[in-house]
Amino acid sequence: ADQSLAENVPRETLMHFAVRLGLLRLT
């Protein structure tokens, strides 16, 4: 929800989650 965070702020994302597990369809 917080779109004010700049792209250079380190954080975990749903995309990291999907890629880490190798979830091709979810990615």
mmCIF file of all heavy atoms, coordinates in Angstrom:
data_MODEL
# 
_entry.id   MODEL 
# 
loop_
_atom_site.group_PDB 
_atom_site.id 
_atom_site.type_symbol 
_atom_site.label_atom_id 
_atom_site.label_alt_id 
_atom_site.label_comp_id 
_atom_site.label_asym_id 
_atom_site.label_entity_id 
_atom_site.label_seq_id 
_atom_site.pdbx_PDB_ins_code 
_atom_site.Cartn_x 
_atom_site.Cartn_y 
_atom_site.Cartn_z 
_atom_site.occupancy 
_atom_site.B_iso_or_equiv 
_atom_site.pdbx_formal_charge 
_atom_site.auth_seq_id 
_atom_site.auth_comp_id 
_atom_site.auth_asym_id 
_atom_site.auth_atom_id 
_atom_site.pdbx_PDB_model_num 
ATOM 1   N N   . ALA A 1 1  ? 0.806  -1.222  0.000   1.00 0.00 ? 1  ALA A N   1 
ATOM 2   C CA  . ALA A 1 1  ? 0.000  0.000   0.000   1.00 0.00 ? 1  ALA A CA  1 
ATOM 3   C C   . ALA A 1 1  ? 0.839  1.272   0.000   1.00 0.00 ? 1  ALA A C   1 
ATOM 4   O O   . ALA A 1 1  ? 0.418  2.298   -0.523  1.00 0.00 ? 1  ALA A O   1 
ATOM 5   C CB  . ALA A 1 1  ? -0.926 0.000   1.213   1.00 0.00 ? 1  ALA A CB  1 
ATOM 6   N N   . ASP A 1 2  ? 2.042  1.226   0.572   1.00 0.00 ? 2  ASP A N   1 
ATOM 7   C CA  . ASP A 1 2  ? 2.853  2.438   0.727   1.00 0.00 ? 2  ASP A CA  1 
ATOM 8   C C   . ASP A 1 2  ? 3.676  2.682   -0.536  1.00 0.00 ? 2  ASP A C   1 
ATOM 9   O O   . ASP A 1 2  ? 4.778  2.152   -0.685  1.00 0.00 ? 2  ASP A O   1 
ATOM 10  C CB  . ASP A 1 2  ? 3.776  2.308   1.949   1.00 0.00 ? 2  ASP A CB  1 
ATOM 11  C CG  . ASP A 1 2  ? 4.491  3.623   2.258   1.00 0.00 ? 2  ASP A CG  1 
ATOM 12  O OD1 . ASP A 1 2  ? 4.240  4.612   1.525   1.00 0.00 ? 2  ASP A OD1 1 
ATOM 13  O OD2 . ASP A 1 2  ? 5.283  3.656   3.207   1.00 0.00 ? 2  ASP A OD2 1 
ATOM 14  N N   . GLN A 1 3  ? 3.133  3.455   -1.458  1.00 0.00 ? 3  GLN A N   1 
ATOM 15  C CA  . GLN A 1 3  ? 3.834  3.728   -2.721  1.00 0.00 ? 3  GLN A CA  1 
ATOM 16  C C   . GLN A 1 3  ? 4.840  4.879   -2.604  1.00 0.00 ? 3  GLN A C   1 
ATOM 17  O O   . GLN A 1 3  ? 5.501  5.220   -3.572  1.00 0.00 ? 3  GLN A O   1 
ATOM 18  C CB  . GLN A 1 3  ? 2.816  4.051   -3.815  1.00 0.00 ? 3  GLN A CB  1 
ATOM 19  C CG  . GLN A 1 3  ? 1.871  2.899   -4.132  1.00 0.00 ? 3  GLN A CG  1 
ATOM 20  C CD  . GLN A 1 3  ? 2.601  1.607   -4.408  1.00 0.00 ? 3  GLN A CD  1 
ATOM 21  O OE1 . GLN A 1 3  ? 3.413  1.523   -5.320  1.00 0.00 ? 3  GLN A OE1 1 
ATOM 22  N NE2 . GLN A 1 3  ? 2.342  0.584   -3.608  1.00 0.00 ? 3  GLN A NE2 1 
ATOM 23  N N   . SER A 1 4  ? 4.948  5.472   -1.398  1.00 0.00 ? 4  SER A N   1 
ATOM 24  C CA  . SER A 1 4  ? 5.871  6.596   -1.232  1.00 0.00 ? 4  SER A CA  1 
ATOM 25  C C   . SER A 1 4  ? 7.309  6.119   -1.068  1.00 0.00 ? 4  SER A C   1 
ATOM 26  O O   . SER A 1 4  ? 8.247  6.885   -1.186  1.00 0.00 ? 4  SER A O   1 
ATOM 27  C CB  . SER A 1 4  ? 5.456  7.422   0.000   1.00 0.00 ? 4  SER A CB  1 
ATOM 28  O OG  . SER A 1 4  ? 5.551  6.618   1.177   1.00 0.00 ? 4  SER A OG  1 
ATOM 29  N N   . LEU A 1 5  ? 7.480  4.804   -0.803  1.00 0.00 ? 5  LEU A N   1 
ATOM 30  C CA  . LEU A 1 5  ? 8.837  4.278   -0.637  1.00 0.00 ? 5  LEU A CA  1 
ATOM 31  C C   . LEU A 1 5  ? 9.589  4.345   -1.957  1.00 0.00 ? 5  LEU A C   1 
ATOM 32  O O   . LEU A 1 5  ? 9.080  3.932   -2.996  1.00 0.00 ? 5  LEU A O   1 
ATOM 33  C CB  . LEU A 1 5  ? 8.790  2.825   -0.155  1.00 0.00 ? 5  LEU A CB  1 
ATOM 34  C CG  . LEU A 1 5  ? 8.369  2.590   1.302   1.00 0.00 ? 5  LEU A CG  1 
ATOM 35  C CD1 . LEU A 1 5  ? 8.189  1.113   1.559   1.00 0.00 ? 5  LEU A CD1 1 
ATOM 36  C CD2 . LEU A 1 5  ? 9.408  3.172   2.249   1.00 0.00 ? 5  LEU A CD2 1 
ATOM 37  N N   . ALA A 1 6  ? 10.810 4.867   -1.927  1.00 0.00 ? 6  ALA A N   1 
ATOM 38  C CA  . ALA A 1 6  ? 11.616 4.950   -3.142  1.00 0.00 ? 6  ALA A CA  1 
ATOM 39  C C   . ALA A 1 6  ? 12.121 3.567   -3.526  1.00 0.00 ? 6  ALA A C   1 
ATOM 40  O O   . ALA A 1 6  ? 12.193 2.658   -2.702  1.00 0.00 ? 6  ALA A O   1 
ATOM 41  C CB  . ALA A 1 6  ? 12.796 5.898   -2.908  1.00 0.00 ? 6  ALA A CB  1 
ATOM 42  N N   . GLU A 1 7  ? 12.447 3.412   -4.820  1.00 0.00 ? 7  GLU A N   1 
ATOM 43  C CA  . GLU A 1 7  ? 12.904 2.107   -5.312  1.00 0.00 ? 7  GLU A CA  1 
ATOM 44  C C   . GLU A 1 7  ? 14.225 1.684   -4.668  1.00 0.00 ? 7  GLU A C   1 
ATOM 45  O O   . GLU A 1 7  ? 14.541 0.505   -4.614  1.00 0.00 ? 7  GLU A O   1 
ATOM 46  C CB  . GLU A 1 7  ? 13.068 2.150   -6.836  1.00 0.00 ? 7  GLU A CB  1 
ATOM 47  C CG  . GLU A 1 7  ? 11.743 2.071   -7.577  1.00 0.00 ? 7  GLU A CG  1 
ATOM 48  C CD  . GLU A 1 7  ? 11.921 1.767   -9.060  1.00 0.00 ? 7  GLU A CD  1 
ATOM 49  O OE1 . GLU A 1 7  ? 13.067 1.499   -9.466  1.00 0.00 ? 7  GLU A OE1 1 
ATOM 50  O OE2 . GLU A 1 7  ? 10.929 1.812   -9.803  1.00 0.00 ? 7  GLU A OE2 1 
ATOM 51  N N   . ASN A 1 8  ? 14.998 2.657   -4.179  1.00 0.00 ? 8  ASN A N   1 
ATOM 52  C CA  . ASN A 1 8  ? 16.301 2.300   -3.612  1.00 0.00 ? 8  ASN A CA  1 
ATOM 53  C C   . ASN A 1 8  ? 16.234 1.927   -2.136  1.00 0.00 ? 8  ASN A C   1 
ATOM 54  O O   . ASN A 1 8  ? 17.253 1.718   -1.488  1.00 0.00 ? 8  ASN A O   1 
ATOM 55  C CB  . ASN A 1 8  ? 17.316 3.443   -3.831  1.00 0.00 ? 8  ASN A CB  1 
ATOM 56  C CG  . ASN A 1 8  ? 16.844 4.763   -3.228  1.00 0.00 ? 8  ASN A CG  1 
ATOM 57  O OD1 . ASN A 1 8  ? 15.777 4.817   -2.626  1.00 0.00 ? 8  ASN A OD1 1 
ATOM 58  N ND2 . ASN A 1 8  ? 17.643 5.801   -3.396  1.00 0.00 ? 8  ASN A ND2 1 
ATOM 59  N N   . VAL A 1 9  ? 15.018 1.863   -1.571  1.00 0.00 ? 9  VAL A N   1 
ATOM 60  C CA  . VAL A 1 9  ? 14.876 1.416   -0.176  1.00 0.00 ? 9  VAL A CA  1 
ATOM 61  C C   . VAL A 1 9  ? 14.893 -0.117  -0.159  1.00 0.00 ? 9  VAL A C   1 
ATOM 62  O O   . VAL A 1 9  ? 14.023 -0.746  -0.757  1.00 0.00 ? 9  VAL A O   1 
ATOM 63  C CB  . VAL A 1 9  ? 13.553 1.938   0.448   1.00 0.00 ? 9  VAL A CB  1 
ATOM 64  C CG1 . VAL A 1 9  ? 13.364 1.365   1.846   1.00 0.00 ? 9  VAL A CG1 1 
ATOM 65  C CG2 . VAL A 1 9  ? 13.540 3.454   0.467   1.00 0.00 ? 9  VAL A CG2 1 
ATOM 66  N N   . PRO A 1 10 ? 15.912 -0.733  0.498   1.00 0.00 ? 10 PRO A N   1 
ATOM 67  C CA  . PRO A 1 10 ? 15.986 -2.207  0.498   1.00 0.00 ? 10 PRO A CA  1 
ATOM 68  C C   . PRO A 1 10 ? 14.779 -2.809  1.219   1.00 0.00 ? 10 PRO A C   1 
ATOM 69  O O   . PRO A 1 10 ? 14.428 -2.381  2.311   1.00 0.00 ? 10 PRO A O   1 
ATOM 70  C CB  . PRO A 1 10 ? 17.283 -2.499  1.272   1.00 0.00 ? 10 PRO A CB  1 
ATOM 71  C CG  . PRO A 1 10 ? 18.019 -1.209  1.332   1.00 0.00 ? 10 PRO A CG  1 
ATOM 72  C CD  . PRO A 1 10 ? 16.999 -0.127  1.264   1.00 0.00 ? 10 PRO A CD  1 
ATOM 73  N N   . ARG A 1 11 ? 14.142 -3.768  0.591   1.00 0.00 ? 11 ARG A N   1 
ATOM 74  C CA  . ARG A 1 11 ? 13.015 -4.452  1.218   1.00 0.00 ? 11 ARG A CA  1 
ATOM 75  C C   . ARG A 1 11 ? 12.676 -5.733  0.469   1.00 0.00 ? 11 ARG A C   1 
ATOM 76  O O   . ARG A 1 11 ? 13.012 -5.889  -0.698  1.00 0.00 ? 11 ARG A O   1 
ATOM 77  C CB  . ARG A 1 11 ? 11.790 -3.535  1.297   1.00 0.00 ? 11 ARG A CB  1 
ATOM 78  C CG  . ARG A 1 11 ? 11.234 -3.050  -0.020  1.00 0.00 ? 11 ARG A CG  1 
ATOM 79  C CD  . ARG A 1 11 ? 10.259 -1.913  0.255   1.00 0.00 ? 11 ARG A CD  1 
ATOM 80  N NE  . ARG A 1 11 ? 9.492  -1.474  -0.898  1.00 0.00 ? 11 ARG A NE  1 
ATOM 81  C CZ  . ARG A 1 11 ? 9.940  -0.627  -1.813  1.00 0.00 ? 11 ARG A CZ  1 
ATOM 82  N NH1 . ARG A 1 11 ? 11.176 -0.144  -1.729  1.00 0.00 ? 11 ARG A NH1 1 
ATOM 83  N NH2 . ARG A 1 11 ? 9.167  -0.250  -2.812  1.00 0.00 ? 11 ARG A NH2 1 
ATOM 84  N N   . GLU A 1 12 ? 11.997 -6.599  1.191   1.00 0.00 ? 12 GLU A N   1 
ATOM 85  C CA  . GLU A 1 12 ? 11.521 -7.860  0.612   1.00 0.00 ? 12 GLU A CA  1 
ATOM 86  C C   . GLU A 1 12 ? 10.203 -7.586  -0.113  1.00 0.00 ? 12 GLU A C   1 
ATOM 87  O O   . GLU A 1 12 ? 9.389  -6.782  0.345   1.00 0.00 ? 12 GLU A O   1 
ATOM 88  C CB  . GLU A 1 12 ? 11.314 -8.879  1.742   1.00 0.00 ? 12 GLU A CB  1 
ATOM 89  C CG  . GLU A 1 12 ? 11.246 -10.317 1.294   1.00 0.00 ? 12 GLU A CG  1 
ATOM 90  C CD  . GLU A 1 12 ? 12.583 -10.884 0.844   1.00 0.00 ? 12 GLU A CD  1 
ATOM 91  O OE1 . GLU A 1 12 ? 13.646 -10.320 1.166   1.00 0.00 ? 12 GLU A OE1 1 
ATOM 92  O OE2 . GLU A 1 12 ? 12.544 -11.907 0.148   1.00 0.00 ? 12 GLU A OE2 1 
ATOM 93  N N   . THR A 1 13 ? 9.992  -8.243  -1.252  1.00 0.00 ? 13 THR A N   1 
ATOM 94  C CA  . THR A 1 13 ? 8.743  -8.066  -1.993  1.00 0.00 ? 13 THR A CA  1 
ATOM 95  C C   . THR A 1 13 ? 8.122  -9.427  -2.312  1.00 0.00 ? 13 THR A C   1 
ATOM 96  O O   . THR A 1 13 ? 8.779  -10.462 -2.196  1.00 0.00 ? 13 THR A O   1 
ATOM 97  C CB  . THR A 1 13 ? 8.970  -7.309  -3.324  1.00 0.00 ? 13 THR A CB  1 
ATOM 98  O OG1 . THR A 1 13 ? 9.702  -8.168  -4.218  1.00 0.00 ? 13 THR A OG1 1 
ATOM 99  C CG2 . THR A 1 13 ? 9.731  -6.011  -3.116  1.00 0.00 ? 13 THR A CG2 1 
ATOM 100 N N   . LEU A 1 14 ? 6.862  -9.390  -2.726  1.00 0.00 ? 14 LEU A N   1 
ATOM 101 C CA  . LEU A 1 14 ? 6.193  -10.623 -3.166  1.00 0.00 ? 14 LEU A CA  1 
ATOM 102 C C   . LEU A 1 14 ? 6.943  -11.264 -4.327  1.00 0.00 ? 14 LEU A C   1 
ATOM 103 O O   . LEU A 1 14 ? 6.966  -12.482 -4.472  1.00 0.00 ? 14 LEU A O   1 
ATOM 104 C CB  . LEU A 1 14 ? 4.762  -10.311 -3.621  1.00 0.00 ? 14 LEU A CB  1 
ATOM 105 C CG  . LEU A 1 14 ? 3.653  -10.304 -2.572  1.00 0.00 ? 14 LEU A CG  1 
ATOM 106 C CD1 . LEU A 1 14 ? 2.322  -10.005 -3.249  1.00 0.00 ? 14 LEU A CD1 1 
ATOM 107 C CD2 . LEU A 1 14 ? 3.582  -11.629 -1.828  1.00 0.00 ? 14 LEU A CD2 1 
ATOM 108 N N   . MET A 1 15 ? 7.570  -10.420 -5.164  1.00 0.00 ? 15 MET A N   1 
ATOM 109 C CA  . MET A 1 15 ? 8.320  -10.950 -6.309  1.00 0.00 ? 15 MET A CA  1 
ATOM 110 C C   . MET A 1 15 ? 9.545  -11.722 -5.838  1.00 0.00 ? 15 MET A C   1 
ATOM 111 O O   . MET A 1 15 ? 9.880  -12.779 -6.399  1.00 0.00 ? 15 MET A O   1 
ATOM 112 C CB  . MET A 1 15 ? 8.732  -9.800  -7.232  1.00 0.00 ? 15 MET A CB  1 
ATOM 113 C CG  . MET A 1 15 ? 9.203  -10.272 -8.594  1.00 0.00 ? 15 MET A CG  1 
ATOM 114 S SD  . MET A 1 15 ? 7.885  -11.026 -9.571  1.00 0.00 ? 15 MET A SD  1 
ATOM 115 C CE  . MET A 1 15 ? 7.035  -9.581  -10.175 1.00 0.00 ? 15 MET A CE  1 
ATOM 116 N N   . HIS A 1 16 ? 10.213 -11.234 -4.795  1.00 0.00 ? 16 HIS A N   1 
ATOM 117 C CA  . HIS A 1 16 ? 11.336 -11.988 -4.218  1.00 0.00 ? 16 HIS A CA  1 
ATOM 118 C C   . HIS A 1 16 ? 10.855 -13.360 -3.753  1.00 0.00 ? 16 HIS A C   1 
ATOM 119 O O   . HIS A 1 16 ? 11.501 -14.386 -3.989  1.00 0.00 ? 16 HIS A O   1 
ATOM 120 C CB  . HIS A 1 16 ? 11.935 -11.240 -3.005  1.00 0.00 ? 16 HIS A CB  1 
ATOM 121 C CG  . HIS A 1 16 ? 12.814 -10.083 -3.368  1.00 0.00 ? 16 HIS A CG  1 
ATOM 122 N ND1 . HIS A 1 16 ? 12.318 -8.809  -3.517  1.00 0.00 ? 16 HIS A ND1 1 
ATOM 123 C CD2 . HIS A 1 16 ? 14.144 -9.993  -3.592  1.00 0.00 ? 16 HIS A CD2 1 
ATOM 124 C CE1 . HIS A 1 16 ? 13.310 -7.973  -3.810  1.00 0.00 ? 16 HIS A CE1 1 
ATOM 125 N NE2 . HIS A 1 16 ? 14.434 -8.676  -3.860  1.00 0.00 ? 16 HIS A NE2 1 
ATOM 126 N N   . PHE A 1 17 ? 9.700  -13.380 -3.078  1.00 0.00 ? 17 PHE A N   1 
ATOM 127 C CA  . PHE A 1 17 ? 9.139  -14.628 -2.564  1.00 0.00 ? 17 PHE A CA  1 
ATOM 128 C C   . PHE A 1 17 ? 8.908  -15.627 -3.700  1.00 0.00 ? 17 PHE A C   1 
ATOM 129 O O   . PHE A 1 17 ? 9.314  -16.790 -3.634  1.00 0.00 ? 17 PHE A O   1 
ATOM 130 C CB  . PHE A 1 17 ? 7.823  -14.351 -1.830  1.00 0.00 ? 17 PHE A CB  1 
ATOM 131 C CG  . PHE A 1 17 ? 6.989  -15.577 -1.588  1.00 0.00 ? 17 PHE A CG  1 
ATOM 132 C CD1 . PHE A 1 17 ? 7.264  -16.430 -0.532  1.00 0.00 ? 17 PHE A CD1 1 
ATOM 133 C CD2 . PHE A 1 17 ? 5.924  -15.896 -2.434  1.00 0.00 ? 17 PHE A CD2 1 
ATOM 134 C CE1 . PHE A 1 17 ? 6.500  -17.573 -0.306  1.00 0.00 ? 17 PHE A CE1 1 
ATOM 135 C CE2 . PHE A 1 17 ? 5.155  -17.031 -2.221  1.00 0.00 ? 17 PHE A CE2 1 
ATOM 136 C CZ  . PHE A 1 17 ? 5.451  -17.872 -1.158  1.00 0.00 ? 17 PHE A CZ  1 
ATOM 137 N N   . ALA A 1 18 ? 8.236  -15.171 -4.764  1.00 0.00 ? 18 ALA A N   1 
ATOM 138 C CA  . ALA A 1 18 ? 7.894  -16.068 -5.873  1.00 0.00 ? 18 ALA A CA  1 
ATOM 139 C C   . ALA A 1 18 ? 9.145  -16.595 -6.577  1.00 0.00 ? 18 ALA A C   1 
ATOM 140 O O   . ALA A 1 18 ? 9.240  -17.786 -6.902  1.00 0.00 ? 18 ALA A O   1 
ATOM 141 C CB  . ALA A 1 18 ? 6.983  -15.343 -6.869  1.00 0.00 ? 18 ALA A CB  1 
ATOM 142 N N   . VAL A 1 19 ? 10.119 -15.702 -6.788  1.00 0.00 ? 19 VAL A N   1 
ATOM 143 C CA  . VAL A 1 19 ? 11.342 -16.105 -7.499  1.00 0.00 ? 19 VAL A CA  1 
ATOM 144 C C   . VAL A 1 19 ? 12.198 -17.023 -6.640  1.00 0.00 ? 19 VAL A C   1 
ATOM 145 O O   . VAL A 1 19 ? 12.753 -18.006 -7.123  1.00 0.00 ? 19 VAL A O   1 
ATOM 146 C CB  . VAL A 1 19 ? 12.135 -14.850 -7.934  1.00 0.00 ? 19 VAL A CB  1 
ATOM 147 C CG1 . VAL A 1 19 ? 13.512 -15.240 -8.464  1.00 0.00 ? 19 VAL A CG1 1 
ATOM 148 C CG2 . VAL A 1 19 ? 11.351 -14.078 -8.987  1.00 0.00 ? 19 VAL A CG2 1 
ATOM 149 N N   . ARG A 1 20 ? 12.291 -16.725 -5.343  1.00 0.00 ? 20 ARG A N   1 
ATOM 150 C CA  . ARG A 1 20 ? 13.126 -17.530 -4.449  1.00 0.00 ? 20 ARG A CA  1 
ATOM 151 C C   . ARG A 1 20 ? 12.695 -18.995 -4.465  1.00 0.00 ? 20 ARG A C   1 
ATOM 152 O O   . ARG A 1 20 ? 13.510 -19.906 -4.428  1.00 0.00 ? 20 ARG A O   1 
ATOM 153 C CB  . ARG A 1 20 ? 13.057 -16.962 -3.028  1.00 0.00 ? 20 ARG A CB  1 
ATOM 154 C CG  . ARG A 1 20 ? 14.013 -17.645 -2.065  1.00 0.00 ? 20 ARG A CG  1 
ATOM 155 C CD  . ARG A 1 20 ? 13.918 -17.042 -0.680  1.00 0.00 ? 20 ARG A CD  1 
ATOM 156 N NE  . ARG A 1 20 ? 14.598 -15.758 -0.607  1.00 0.00 ? 20 ARG A NE  1 
ATOM 157 C CZ  . ARG A 1 20 ? 13.982 -14.580 -0.506  1.00 0.00 ? 20 ARG A CZ  1 
ATOM 158 N NH1 . ARG A 1 20 ? 12.669 -14.526 -0.444  1.00 0.00 ? 20 ARG A NH1 1 
ATOM 159 N NH2 . ARG A 1 20 ? 14.667 -13.464 -0.449  1.00 0.00 ? 20 ARG A NH2 1 
ATOM 160 N N   . LEU A 1 21 ? 11.384 -19.243 -4.545  1.00 0.00 ? 21 LEU A N   1 
ATOM 161 C CA  . LEU A 1 21 ? 10.879 -20.616 -4.561  1.00 0.00 ? 21 LEU A CA  1 
ATOM 162 C C   . LEU A 1 21 ? 10.785 -21.184 -5.974  1.00 0.00 ? 21 LEU A C   1 
ATOM 163 O O   . LEU A 1 21 ? 10.415 -22.339 -6.154  1.00 0.00 ? 21 LEU A O   1 
ATOM 164 C CB  . LEU A 1 21 ? 9.500  -20.682 -3.894  1.00 0.00 ? 21 LEU A CB  1 
ATOM 165 C CG  . LEU A 1 21 ? 9.469  -20.549 -2.372  1.00 0.00 ? 21 LEU A CG  1 
ATOM 166 C CD1 . LEU A 1 21 ? 8.042  -20.696 -1.856  1.00 0.00 ? 21 LEU A CD1 1 
ATOM 167 C CD2 . LEU A 1 21 ? 10.363 -21.579 -1.696  1.00 0.00 ? 21 LEU A CD2 1 
ATOM 168 N N   . GLY A 1 22 ? 11.083 -20.365 -6.981  1.00 0.00 ? 22 GLY A N   1 
ATOM 169 C CA  . GLY A 1 22 ? 11.015 -20.857 -8.361  1.00 0.00 ? 22 GLY A CA  1 
ATOM 170 C C   . GLY A 1 22 ? 9.588  -21.009 -8.859  1.00 0.00 ? 22 GLY A C   1 
ATOM 171 O O   . GLY A 1 22 ? 9.295  -21.898 -9.662  1.00 0.00 ? 22 GLY A O   1 
ATOM 172 N N   . LEU A 1 23 ? 8.675  -20.140 -8.396  1.00 0.00 ? 23 LEU A N   1 
ATOM 173 C CA  . LEU A 1 23 ? 7.258  -20.233 -8.772  1.00 0.00 ? 23 LEU A CA  1 
ATOM 174 C C   . LEU A 1 23 ? 7.023  -19.471 -10.080 1.00 0.00 ? 23 LEU A C   1 
ATOM 175 O O   . LEU A 1 23 ? 6.724  -18.284 -10.094 1.00 0.00 ? 23 LEU A O   1 
ATOM 176 C CB  . LEU A 1 23 ? 6.377  -19.680 -7.647  1.00 0.00 ? 23 LEU A CB  1 
ATOM 177 C CG  . LEU A 1 23 ? 6.591  -20.316 -6.264  1.00 0.00 ? 23 LEU A CG  1 
ATOM 178 C CD1 . LEU A 1 23 ? 5.685  -19.678 -5.226  1.00 0.00 ? 23 LEU A CD1 1 
ATOM 179 C CD2 . LEU A 1 23 ? 6.351  -21.826 -6.316  1.00 0.00 ? 23 LEU A CD2 1 
ATOM 180 N N   . LEU A 1 24 ? 7.159  -20.185 -11.182 1.00 0.00 ? 24 LEU A N   1 
ATOM 181 C CA  . LEU A 1 24 ? 7.114  -19.587 -12.518 1.00 0.00 ? 24 LEU A CA  1 
ATOM 182 C C   . LEU A 1 24 ? 5.763  -18.956 -12.825 1.00 0.00 ? 24 LEU A C   1 
ATOM 183 O O   . LEU A 1 24 ? 5.674  -17.813 -13.275 1.00 0.00 ? 24 LEU A O   1 
ATOM 184 C CB  . LEU A 1 24 ? 7.420  -20.677 -13.555 1.00 0.00 ? 24 LEU A CB  1 
ATOM 185 C CG  . LEU A 1 24 ? 7.796  -20.242 -14.959 1.00 0.00 ? 24 LEU A CG  1 
ATOM 186 C CD1 . LEU A 1 24 ? 9.107  -19.467 -14.935 1.00 0.00 ? 24 LEU A CD1 1 
ATOM 187 C CD2 . LEU A 1 24 ? 7.928  -21.448 -15.878 1.00 0.00 ? 24 LEU A CD2 1 
ATOM 188 N N   . ARG A 1 25 ? 4.676  -19.683 -12.548 1.00 0.00 ? 25 ARG A N   1 
ATOM 189 C CA  . ARG A 1 25 ? 3.345  -19.174 -12.884 1.00 0.00 ? 25 ARG A CA  1 
ATOM 190 C C   . ARG A 1 25 ? 2.966  -17.970 -12.013 1.00 0.00 ? 25 ARG A C   1 
ATOM 191 O O   . ARG A 1 25 ? 2.371  -17.007 -12.494 1.00 0.00 ? 25 ARG A O   1 
ATOM 192 C CB  . ARG A 1 25 ? 2.290  -20.274 -12.718 1.00 0.00 ? 25 ARG A CB  1 
ATOM 193 C CG  . ARG A 1 25 ? 2.523  -21.512 -13.580 1.00 0.00 ? 25 ARG A CG  1 
ATOM 194 C CD  . ARG A 1 25 ? 1.523  -22.591 -13.199 1.00 0.00 ? 25 ARG A CD  1 
ATOM 195 N NE  . ARG A 1 25 ? 1.741  -23.854 -13.862 1.00 0.00 ? 25 ARG A NE  1 
ATOM 196 C CZ  . ARG A 1 25 ? 2.527  -24.825 -13.406 1.00 0.00 ? 25 ARG A CZ  1 
ATOM 197 N NH1 . ARG A 1 25 ? 3.199  -24.639 -12.277 1.00 0.00 ? 25 ARG A NH1 1 
ATOM 198 N NH2 . ARG A 1 25 ? 2.647  -25.959 -14.061 1.00 0.00 ? 25 ARG A NH2 1 
ATOM 199 N N   . LEU A 1 26 ? 3.304  -18.054 -10.709 1.00 0.00 ? 26 LEU A N   1 
ATOM 200 C CA  . LEU A 1 26 ? 2.988  -16.946 -9.815  1.00 0.00 ? 26 LEU A CA  1 
ATOM 201 C C   . LEU A 1 26 ? 3.790  -15.709 -10.197 1.00 0.00 ? 26 LEU A C   1 
ATOM 202 O O   . LEU A 1 26 ? 3.281  -14.580 -10.159 1.00 0.00 ? 26 LEU A O   1 
ATOM 203 C CB  . LEU A 1 26 ? 3.257  -17.337 -8.355  1.00 0.00 ? 26 LEU A CB  1 
ATOM 204 C CG  . LEU A 1 26 ? 2.878  -16.287 -7.304  1.00 0.00 ? 26 LEU A CG  1 
ATOM 205 C CD1 . LEU A 1 26 ? 1.407  -15.896 -7.402  1.00 0.00 ? 26 LEU A CD1 1 
ATOM 206 C CD2 . LEU A 1 26 ? 3.196  -16.775 -5.901  1.00 0.00 ? 26 LEU A CD2 1 
ATOM 207 N N   . THR A 1 27 ? 5.046  -15.899 -10.574 1.00 0.00 ? 27 THR A N   1 
ATOM 208 C CA  . THR A 1 27 ? 5.885  -14.778 -11.015 1.00 0.00 ? 27 THR A CA  1 
ATOM 209 C C   . THR A 1 27 ? 5.260  -14.098 -12.225 1.00 0.00 ? 27 THR A C   1 
ATOM 210 O O   . THR A 1 27 ? 5.173  -12.868 -12.304 1.00 0.00 ? 27 THR A O   1 
ATOM 211 C CB  . THR A 1 27 ? 7.302  -15.257 -11.352 1.00 0.00 ? 27 THR A CB  1 
ATOM 212 O OG1 . THR A 1 27 ? 7.906  -15.822 -10.176 1.00 0.00 ? 27 THR A OG1 1 
ATOM 213 C CG2 . THR A 1 27 ? 8.173  -14.111 -11.846 1.00 0.00 ? 27 THR A CG2 1 
# 
